[in-house]
Protein backbone atom coordinates (compact mmCIF):
# COMPACT_ATOMS: atom_id res chain seq x y z
CA MET A 1 -16.90 -21.93 -35.38
CA SER A 2 -18.52 -25.20 -34.34
CA ILE A 3 -16.26 -28.18 -34.03
CA GLN A 4 -17.01 -30.69 -36.80
CA ARG A 5 -15.68 -34.21 -36.97
CA SER A 6 -15.23 -36.48 -39.90
CA PHE A 7 -17.42 -39.55 -40.18
CA LEU A 8 -16.04 -42.40 -38.00
CA ALA A 9 -17.06 -46.02 -37.65
CA TRP A 10 -18.03 -46.58 -34.06
CA GLY A 11 -16.46 -49.98 -34.14
CA THR A 12 -13.04 -48.36 -34.22
CA LEU A 13 -13.60 -46.45 -31.02
CA SER A 14 -13.93 -47.55 -27.44
CA ALA A 15 -16.78 -46.31 -25.24
CA ALA A 16 -14.20 -44.58 -23.07
CA LEU A 17 -12.86 -42.60 -25.99
CA PHE A 18 -16.41 -41.64 -26.99
CA LEU A 19 -17.30 -40.31 -23.58
CA ALA A 20 -13.98 -38.51 -23.20
CA ASP A 21 -14.56 -36.80 -26.51
CA CYS A 22 -17.94 -35.53 -25.29
CA SER A 23 -16.14 -32.94 -23.19
CA GLU A 24 -14.82 -30.92 -26.11
CA PRO A 25 -16.50 -27.51 -26.32
CA SER A 26 -18.64 -26.26 -29.18
CA MET A 27 -18.20 -22.61 -30.03
CA SER A 28 -21.59 -22.39 -31.72
CA THR A 29 -23.65 -23.57 -28.75
CA GLY A 30 -21.41 -23.05 -25.75
CA ILE A 31 -21.94 -26.66 -24.65
CA PRO A 32 -20.04 -29.86 -25.31
CA VAL A 33 -20.22 -31.49 -28.69
CA ALA A 34 -21.98 -34.85 -28.58
CA GLY A 35 -18.88 -36.83 -29.47
CA PRO A 36 -17.77 -38.53 -32.69
CA ASP A 37 -20.29 -39.00 -35.43
CA VAL A 38 -21.46 -42.57 -35.63
CA ALA A 39 -21.68 -44.79 -38.69
CA VAL A 40 -22.61 -48.43 -38.57
CA GLY A 41 -22.84 -50.51 -41.71
CA SER A 42 -25.54 -53.06 -40.85
CA SER A 43 -29.07 -52.45 -42.07
CA GLU A 44 -30.59 -54.22 -39.07
CA SER A 45 -31.80 -52.29 -36.03
CA PRO A 46 -32.47 -53.78 -32.58
CA ALA A 47 -36.21 -53.09 -32.74
CA ALA A 48 -36.62 -54.80 -36.07
CA SER A 49 -36.40 -58.23 -34.50
CA SER A 50 -39.02 -57.60 -31.82
CA PRO A 51 -41.96 -60.03 -31.78
CA LYS A 52 -45.27 -59.14 -33.34
CA ALA A 53 -47.52 -57.06 -31.12
CA ASP A 54 -50.61 -58.70 -29.69
CA GLU A 55 -53.67 -58.20 -31.86
CA ALA A 56 -55.21 -55.99 -29.17
CA THR A 57 -52.34 -53.53 -29.40
CA ALA A 58 -51.13 -54.05 -32.95
CA THR A 59 -50.78 -50.84 -34.90
CA PRO A 60 -50.67 -50.53 -38.69
CA PRO A 61 -50.05 -53.79 -40.55
CA ARG A 62 -46.52 -54.30 -41.81
CA HIS A 63 -47.80 -54.26 -45.40
CA ASP A 64 -46.64 -57.70 -46.48
CA SER A 65 -47.96 -57.52 -50.01
CA ASP A 66 -47.68 -59.50 -53.22
CA MET A 67 -47.98 -56.43 -55.41
CA THR A 68 -45.56 -56.15 -58.31
CA ALA A 69 -42.33 -54.55 -57.18
CA ALA A 70 -41.68 -50.96 -58.24
CA PRO A 71 -38.54 -50.03 -60.20
CA ALA A 72 -35.51 -50.44 -57.99
CA VAL A 73 -34.12 -47.51 -56.04
CA ALA A 74 -30.41 -47.74 -55.31
CA ASP A 75 -30.83 -46.47 -51.75
CA ALA A 76 -34.15 -47.91 -50.58
CA PRO A 77 -35.63 -48.17 -47.09
CA LYS A 78 -35.82 -51.58 -45.52
CA PRO A 79 -39.28 -52.99 -46.35
CA ASN A 80 -41.92 -51.68 -43.93
CA TYR A 81 -39.37 -49.57 -42.06
CA ARG A 82 -41.36 -47.94 -39.26
CA ILE A 83 -40.57 -44.58 -37.67
CA ALA A 84 -42.43 -43.24 -34.63
CA PHE A 85 -42.68 -39.45 -34.38
CA VAL A 86 -43.50 -38.11 -30.91
CA GLY A 87 -42.80 -35.00 -28.86
CA ASP A 88 -43.57 -33.33 -25.53
CA GLN A 89 -43.29 -36.44 -23.42
CA GLY A 90 -43.25 -35.58 -19.74
CA ALA A 91 -42.57 -38.30 -17.18
CA ASN A 92 -45.84 -39.80 -16.01
CA VAL A 93 -48.18 -42.72 -16.58
CA ASN A 94 -49.35 -41.24 -19.89
CA THR A 95 -45.77 -40.98 -21.10
CA GLN A 96 -45.18 -44.59 -20.19
CA ALA A 97 -48.37 -45.63 -21.99
CA VAL A 98 -47.14 -43.96 -25.17
CA LEU A 99 -43.73 -45.60 -24.84
CA LYS A 100 -45.38 -49.00 -24.36
CA LEU A 101 -47.48 -48.36 -27.46
CA ILE A 102 -44.29 -47.63 -29.38
CA LYS A 103 -42.55 -50.68 -27.96
CA GLY A 104 -45.43 -52.92 -29.02
CA SER A 105 -45.62 -51.50 -32.53
CA GLN A 106 -42.46 -53.00 -34.04
CA VAL A 107 -40.90 -49.56 -34.40
CA ASP A 108 -37.50 -49.41 -36.10
CA LEU A 109 -36.70 -45.84 -34.99
CA MET A 110 -38.25 -43.34 -32.57
CA VAL A 111 -37.78 -39.64 -33.34
CA VAL A 112 -38.41 -37.45 -30.28
CA LEU A 113 -39.42 -33.96 -31.39
CA GLY A 114 -38.16 -32.14 -28.30
CA ASP A 115 -39.31 -31.53 -24.71
CA PHE A 116 -38.38 -34.72 -22.91
CA ASP A 117 -39.25 -34.96 -19.20
CA TYR A 118 -39.76 -31.27 -18.28
CA SER A 119 -37.56 -31.87 -15.24
CA SER A 120 -34.06 -31.28 -16.64
CA ASP A 121 -33.18 -34.78 -15.48
CA PRO A 122 -31.21 -36.63 -18.19
CA ASN A 123 -30.57 -39.62 -15.93
CA GLY A 124 -34.23 -39.98 -15.03
CA TRP A 125 -35.42 -39.55 -18.61
CA ASP A 126 -32.92 -42.08 -19.94
CA LYS A 127 -33.94 -44.54 -17.23
CA MET A 128 -37.59 -44.11 -18.25
CA LEU A 129 -36.67 -44.93 -21.85
CA THR A 130 -34.68 -47.96 -20.75
CA ASP A 131 -37.40 -49.23 -18.40
CA ASN A 132 -40.07 -48.98 -21.09
CA LEU A 133 -38.15 -49.57 -24.33
CA GLY A 134 -34.83 -51.16 -23.45
CA ASP A 135 -31.34 -49.70 -23.38
CA ASN A 136 -30.66 -50.31 -27.07
CA PHE A 137 -33.99 -49.11 -28.51
CA PRO A 138 -33.32 -46.87 -31.54
CA VAL A 139 -33.88 -43.22 -30.55
CA ILE A 140 -32.80 -39.89 -32.00
CA ALA A 141 -34.05 -36.52 -30.81
CA ALA A 142 -34.23 -32.79 -31.49
CA VAL A 143 -33.64 -30.33 -28.68
CA GLY A 144 -36.76 -28.72 -27.20
CA ASN A 145 -37.07 -25.51 -25.21
CA HIS A 146 -37.57 -27.48 -21.97
CA ASP A 147 -34.36 -29.44 -22.64
CA THR A 148 -31.89 -26.59 -23.05
CA GLY A 149 -30.98 -26.19 -19.37
CA ALA A 150 -29.66 -29.75 -19.15
CA TRP A 151 -28.81 -30.26 -22.83
CA PRO A 152 -25.21 -31.44 -22.30
CA GLY A 153 -26.51 -34.30 -20.15
CA TYR A 154 -29.33 -35.22 -22.51
CA ARG A 155 -26.99 -35.09 -25.47
CA THR A 156 -24.47 -37.40 -23.81
CA LYS A 157 -27.22 -39.91 -22.98
CA LEU A 158 -28.60 -39.78 -26.52
CA ALA A 159 -25.19 -40.05 -28.15
CA THR A 160 -24.30 -43.02 -25.97
CA ARG A 161 -27.57 -44.69 -26.96
CA LEU A 162 -26.94 -43.90 -30.63
CA ALA A 163 -23.51 -45.52 -30.47
CA LYS A 164 -25.16 -48.87 -29.70
CA LEU A 165 -27.32 -48.86 -32.81
CA LYS A 166 -26.87 -50.54 -36.16
CA GLY A 167 -28.28 -49.30 -39.43
CA ILE A 168 -28.20 -45.58 -38.65
CA SER A 169 -25.44 -43.01 -39.03
CA CYS A 170 -25.51 -39.44 -37.73
CA GLU A 171 -23.12 -36.52 -38.00
CA GLY A 172 -23.01 -32.91 -36.86
CA ASP A 173 -24.13 -31.12 -33.72
CA TYR A 174 -26.47 -33.57 -32.00
CA GLY A 175 -30.11 -32.46 -31.98
CA VAL A 176 -29.19 -28.97 -33.20
CA ASN A 177 -27.70 -29.34 -36.69
CA MET A 178 -27.56 -33.12 -37.16
CA LYS A 179 -27.95 -35.24 -40.28
CA CYS A 180 -29.03 -38.84 -39.73
CA LYS A 181 -29.27 -41.49 -42.40
CA VAL A 182 -30.96 -44.85 -42.51
CA PRO A 183 -31.29 -46.72 -45.80
CA GLY A 184 -33.51 -44.69 -48.11
CA ILE A 185 -34.31 -41.95 -45.60
CA THR A 186 -32.46 -38.74 -44.69
CA LEU A 187 -33.46 -37.06 -41.43
CA ALA A 188 -32.39 -33.46 -40.84
CA VAL A 189 -32.64 -32.80 -37.09
CA SER A 190 -32.60 -29.12 -36.16
CA GLY A 191 -32.71 -26.82 -33.16
CA VAL A 192 -34.19 -24.00 -35.24
CA GLY A 193 -36.07 -21.59 -32.98
CA THR A 194 -34.62 -23.25 -29.88
CA MET A 195 -30.82 -23.55 -29.88
CA GLY A 196 -27.87 -22.85 -32.14
CA THR A 197 -27.39 -20.94 -35.38
CA GLY A 198 -27.01 -21.62 -39.09
CA HIS A 199 -30.06 -23.88 -39.23
CA GLU A 200 -31.35 -22.83 -42.63
CA ALA A 201 -27.92 -23.24 -44.23
CA PHE A 202 -27.63 -26.67 -42.60
CA LEU A 203 -31.03 -27.70 -43.95
CA GLU A 204 -30.18 -26.45 -47.43
CA LYS A 205 -26.89 -28.35 -47.52
CA THR A 206 -28.23 -31.56 -46.00
CA LEU A 207 -31.31 -31.78 -48.20
CA SER A 208 -29.59 -30.72 -51.41
CA GLU A 209 -26.93 -33.39 -50.97
CA ALA A 210 -29.29 -36.19 -49.92
CA GLN A 211 -29.87 -38.83 -52.58
CA THR A 212 -32.65 -40.73 -50.84
CA PRO A 213 -36.29 -41.07 -51.90
CA TRP A 214 -37.41 -39.79 -48.50
CA LYS A 215 -36.34 -36.64 -46.68
CA VAL A 216 -37.68 -35.54 -43.28
CA CYS A 217 -37.08 -32.30 -41.38
CA ASN A 218 -37.41 -32.65 -37.61
CA TRP A 219 -37.49 -29.88 -35.02
CA HIS A 220 -39.44 -28.78 -31.97
CA LYS A 221 -41.05 -25.36 -32.38
CA ASN A 222 -43.64 -24.00 -34.81
CA GLN A 223 -44.88 -21.08 -36.82
CA LYS A 224 -48.25 -19.87 -35.54
CA LYS A 225 -50.22 -20.94 -38.64
CA LEU A 226 -48.69 -24.41 -38.67
CA GLN A 227 -50.15 -25.35 -35.28
CA VAL A 228 -53.68 -24.93 -33.97
CA GLY A 229 -53.02 -23.91 -30.37
CA GLY A 230 -51.58 -20.82 -28.74
CA LYS A 231 -48.02 -20.82 -30.10
CA SER A 232 -46.56 -17.80 -31.87
CA ASP A 233 -44.07 -17.54 -34.75
CA GLU A 234 -40.90 -19.05 -33.27
CA VAL A 235 -39.09 -20.67 -36.22
CA GLY A 236 -39.31 -18.39 -39.26
CA TRP A 237 -40.64 -19.44 -42.63
CA LEU A 238 -37.28 -20.01 -44.32
CA ALA A 239 -36.70 -23.32 -42.54
CA TYR A 240 -40.12 -24.63 -43.55
CA GLU A 241 -39.75 -23.39 -47.12
CA THR A 242 -36.28 -24.90 -47.45
CA CYS A 243 -37.65 -28.31 -46.52
CA LEU A 244 -40.58 -27.90 -48.91
CA LYS A 245 -38.21 -26.92 -51.74
CA PHE A 246 -36.61 -30.36 -51.53
CA GLY A 247 -39.86 -32.26 -50.95
CA ALA A 248 -39.05 -33.03 -47.31
CA PHE A 249 -41.95 -33.23 -44.90
CA VAL A 250 -41.72 -31.36 -41.61
CA ALA A 251 -42.18 -33.04 -38.22
CA THR A 252 -42.62 -30.80 -35.15
CA GLY A 253 -43.87 -30.87 -31.57
CA HIS A 254 -44.20 -27.99 -29.07
CA GLU A 255 -47.98 -27.62 -29.22
CA HIS A 256 -49.56 -30.43 -27.22
CA SER A 257 -51.91 -31.79 -29.85
CA TYR A 258 -51.80 -33.57 -33.20
CA GLU A 259 -52.45 -31.84 -36.49
CA ARG A 260 -51.45 -32.44 -40.12
CA THR A 261 -51.69 -30.24 -43.19
CA HIS A 262 -52.84 -31.16 -46.64
CA LEU A 263 -50.23 -31.23 -49.41
CA LEU A 264 -48.87 -27.68 -49.71
CA SER A 265 -46.89 -25.75 -52.33
CA SER A 266 -46.17 -22.92 -49.86
CA MET A 267 -45.79 -23.33 -46.13
CA GLU A 268 -45.77 -19.59 -45.52
CA ARG A 269 -49.01 -18.99 -47.45
CA GLN A 270 -50.48 -22.42 -46.63
CA THR A 271 -51.25 -23.00 -50.31
CA VAL A 272 -53.10 -26.30 -50.72
CA VAL A 273 -52.42 -28.22 -53.94
CA SER A 274 -54.33 -31.37 -53.05
CA LYS A 275 -56.73 -32.56 -50.39
CA GLU A 276 -56.38 -36.20 -51.35
CA ASN A 277 -55.46 -38.64 -48.62
CA LYS A 278 -52.52 -39.75 -50.72
CA LEU A 279 -49.86 -37.02 -50.59
CA VAL A 280 -47.44 -37.05 -53.50
CA LEU A 281 -44.16 -35.47 -52.40
CA GLU A 282 -41.90 -33.78 -54.92
CA PRO A 283 -39.68 -30.71 -54.93
CA GLY A 284 -41.90 -27.79 -53.96
CA LYS A 285 -44.74 -29.93 -52.60
CA SER A 286 -44.90 -31.36 -49.10
CA PHE A 287 -46.71 -31.20 -45.76
CA ALA A 288 -46.13 -30.57 -42.06
CA PHE A 289 -47.47 -32.04 -38.86
CA VAL A 290 -47.36 -31.51 -35.11
CA SER A 291 -47.06 -34.65 -32.98
CA GLY A 292 -47.01 -33.29 -29.44
CA LEU A 293 -49.08 -35.85 -27.54
CA GLY A 294 -46.21 -37.76 -25.98
CA GLY A 295 -47.71 -37.66 -22.48
CA ARG A 296 -47.32 -34.20 -20.96
CA GLU A 297 -50.82 -32.82 -21.53
CA VAL A 298 -53.51 -32.29 -24.18
CA ARG A 299 -54.28 -28.71 -25.17
CA ASP A 300 -57.26 -27.11 -26.91
CA GLN A 301 -57.79 -25.87 -30.45
CA GLU A 302 -57.60 -22.11 -30.86
CA LEU A 303 -56.99 -21.78 -34.60
CA THR A 304 -58.25 -23.40 -37.77
CA GLY A 305 -57.74 -23.15 -41.53
CA ASP A 306 -58.65 -24.97 -44.73
CA TRP A 307 -55.06 -26.24 -45.03
CA TRP A 308 -55.58 -28.71 -42.18
CA ALA A 309 -56.28 -32.33 -43.09
CA LYS A 310 -56.59 -33.47 -39.48
CA ILE A 311 -56.89 -31.73 -36.10
CA TYR A 312 -56.84 -33.66 -32.82
CA THR A 313 -56.96 -31.61 -29.61
CA SER A 314 -58.91 -31.55 -26.37
CA ASN A 315 -61.77 -30.07 -28.42
CA GLN A 316 -61.91 -33.43 -30.21
CA SER A 317 -61.53 -35.34 -26.90
CA ALA A 318 -57.96 -36.23 -27.79
CA THR A 319 -55.71 -38.41 -25.73
CA PHE A 320 -52.02 -39.25 -26.04
CA GLY A 321 -50.46 -41.09 -28.94
CA VAL A 322 -47.85 -41.30 -31.67
CA LEU A 323 -47.56 -40.95 -35.45
CA LEU A 324 -46.26 -44.17 -37.02
CA CYS A 325 -44.98 -44.09 -40.60
CA ASP A 326 -44.02 -47.19 -42.60
CA PHE A 327 -41.68 -46.69 -45.56
CA ASN A 328 -41.19 -49.03 -48.52
CA ILE A 329 -44.59 -50.66 -48.36
CA ASP A 330 -46.10 -53.02 -50.95
CA ASN A 331 -42.60 -53.70 -52.30
CA ASN A 332 -42.37 -50.07 -53.38
CA PRO A 333 -39.55 -47.98 -51.85
CA ARG A 334 -41.38 -44.81 -52.88
CA LYS A 335 -44.57 -45.58 -50.98
CA ALA A 336 -45.31 -44.97 -47.30
CA HIS A 337 -48.27 -45.32 -44.98
CA CYS A 338 -48.78 -43.26 -41.82
CA GLN A 339 -51.23 -43.56 -38.94
CA PHE A 340 -51.64 -41.61 -35.74
CA LYS A 341 -52.63 -44.08 -33.05
CA ASN A 342 -53.63 -43.16 -29.51
CA ILE A 343 -53.08 -45.14 -26.32
CA ALA A 344 -56.70 -46.32 -26.40
CA GLY A 345 -55.93 -48.17 -29.63
CA GLN A 346 -57.86 -45.79 -31.91
CA ILE A 347 -56.53 -44.78 -35.33
CA VAL A 348 -57.00 -41.02 -35.42
CA ASP A 349 -55.36 -40.22 -38.77
CA ASP A 350 -54.53 -42.50 -41.70
CA PHE A 351 -52.85 -41.38 -44.92
CA GLN A 352 -50.57 -42.54 -47.72
CA LEU A 353 -47.41 -40.98 -49.11
CA GLU A 354 -45.70 -41.30 -52.47
CA SER A 355 -42.25 -39.90 -53.14
CA LYS A 356 -41.34 -38.43 -56.51
CA LEU A 357 -38.09 -36.96 -55.22
CA PRO A 358 -35.24 -37.25 -57.73
CA VAL A 359 -32.32 -39.49 -56.81
CA ASN A 360 -29.12 -40.13 -58.73
């Protein structure tokens, strides 16, 4: 039985207590639990106050709009709240270029979709993040298959970084069965296919209880038909279908390319319900993407299908980049805008989201 802790305000704990608590064992994973769950009340994050990027490197506009405000949502994202989704980083000049792109893009939160430095070096990876982003840049991460050998070290580094942040609270087994919450957005971070057990039950509970207009499932590995490279079925369809049932979109890495589906009503059967560039999310309708161009390498396209809205691999002369999604745009907490931008400054994919998820 995995050790679970009740939700604690970090302000009541000292850093020494946090690190001491990291040594407690977890029966479900055989490695230390990440420490107390963290909850901080402020809605401001360190990255939110960063200066505007130079025009040459500016990514999507922050959507300052005079459009009429949508009906209020009790739990709404901060206006233009920007999340960067990236996986399969490595530790090289390409990795650093992606991190600098993220740093210059006014990102409020970076979600790393597994496979960090490929060297099992938590100290080196954390130093790379600090050198390129700063030691208080908002980062959460899912475990990848290349991270498992040094996961206790990575998890301690990530939990220590998380403890410095405002405006985000996380609970559970870090990177394996972890629920994170920022205003208006619930992020279920899973090790499904990579580490731990009980992932589908965790996803079901987390997503069914979430009362936010946006829900995101985040993990590393794929099913074969939801990537376009050489990966096999490594996750199982139940995890994907559970997320779809609650209208959560699915963010993955593992394959070193970028690809995004159309709006689907079945992940397992890849049933397309719309090919519009505006995806309307509701229970039973969502999409998935792979964002695995964090710096390690670019792989080729081996598969295709009419459910793909965008494919970006070495076949398309791809280079490294990141998916940036802005939530609560145009004064509407149920609207979002996403772009995949590469390190050459090109916008590779550009699409809109609308949430029709029920909230109480």
